[in-house]
C-alpha cells in the first residue's frame, strides 16, 4: 500500500514538473520566425507575396501530414490483414470436427 502511494506521488510529481517546464518554455518564447523567404513574403503587403506565403503554409501542412498518412495507411493495411487472417483461422477451426487436430 505504501509503495502504491509512493508510485502515485512520483507520477503526479512527474506530470507537474512536465507541465511546469512546458509553461516556462511557452512564456520564455518571444517570437518565432519562419525561413527568411516566408518572413519577407509576409512582410510585403502585395497580393503576390501573400499568395506565396499562403503557398508555403499549405506546403508545410502537406509535408507534415505525409508521415502520418503513410504510417496510418500501412498500419491500417497490416491491422486489416491480421484481422482477416484471424477470422479465416477461426472459421477453419470451427469447420473442423471436434476430435480433429487439423494437422
Foldseek 3Di string as FASTA:
>chain_A
DVVVVVVVVVVVVVVVVVVVVVVVVVVPDDDDDDPPLLVVLVPDDDPVSVVVNVVVVVVVVVVVCVVVVVVVVVVVVVVVVVVVVVVVVVVVVVPDDPVDPPD
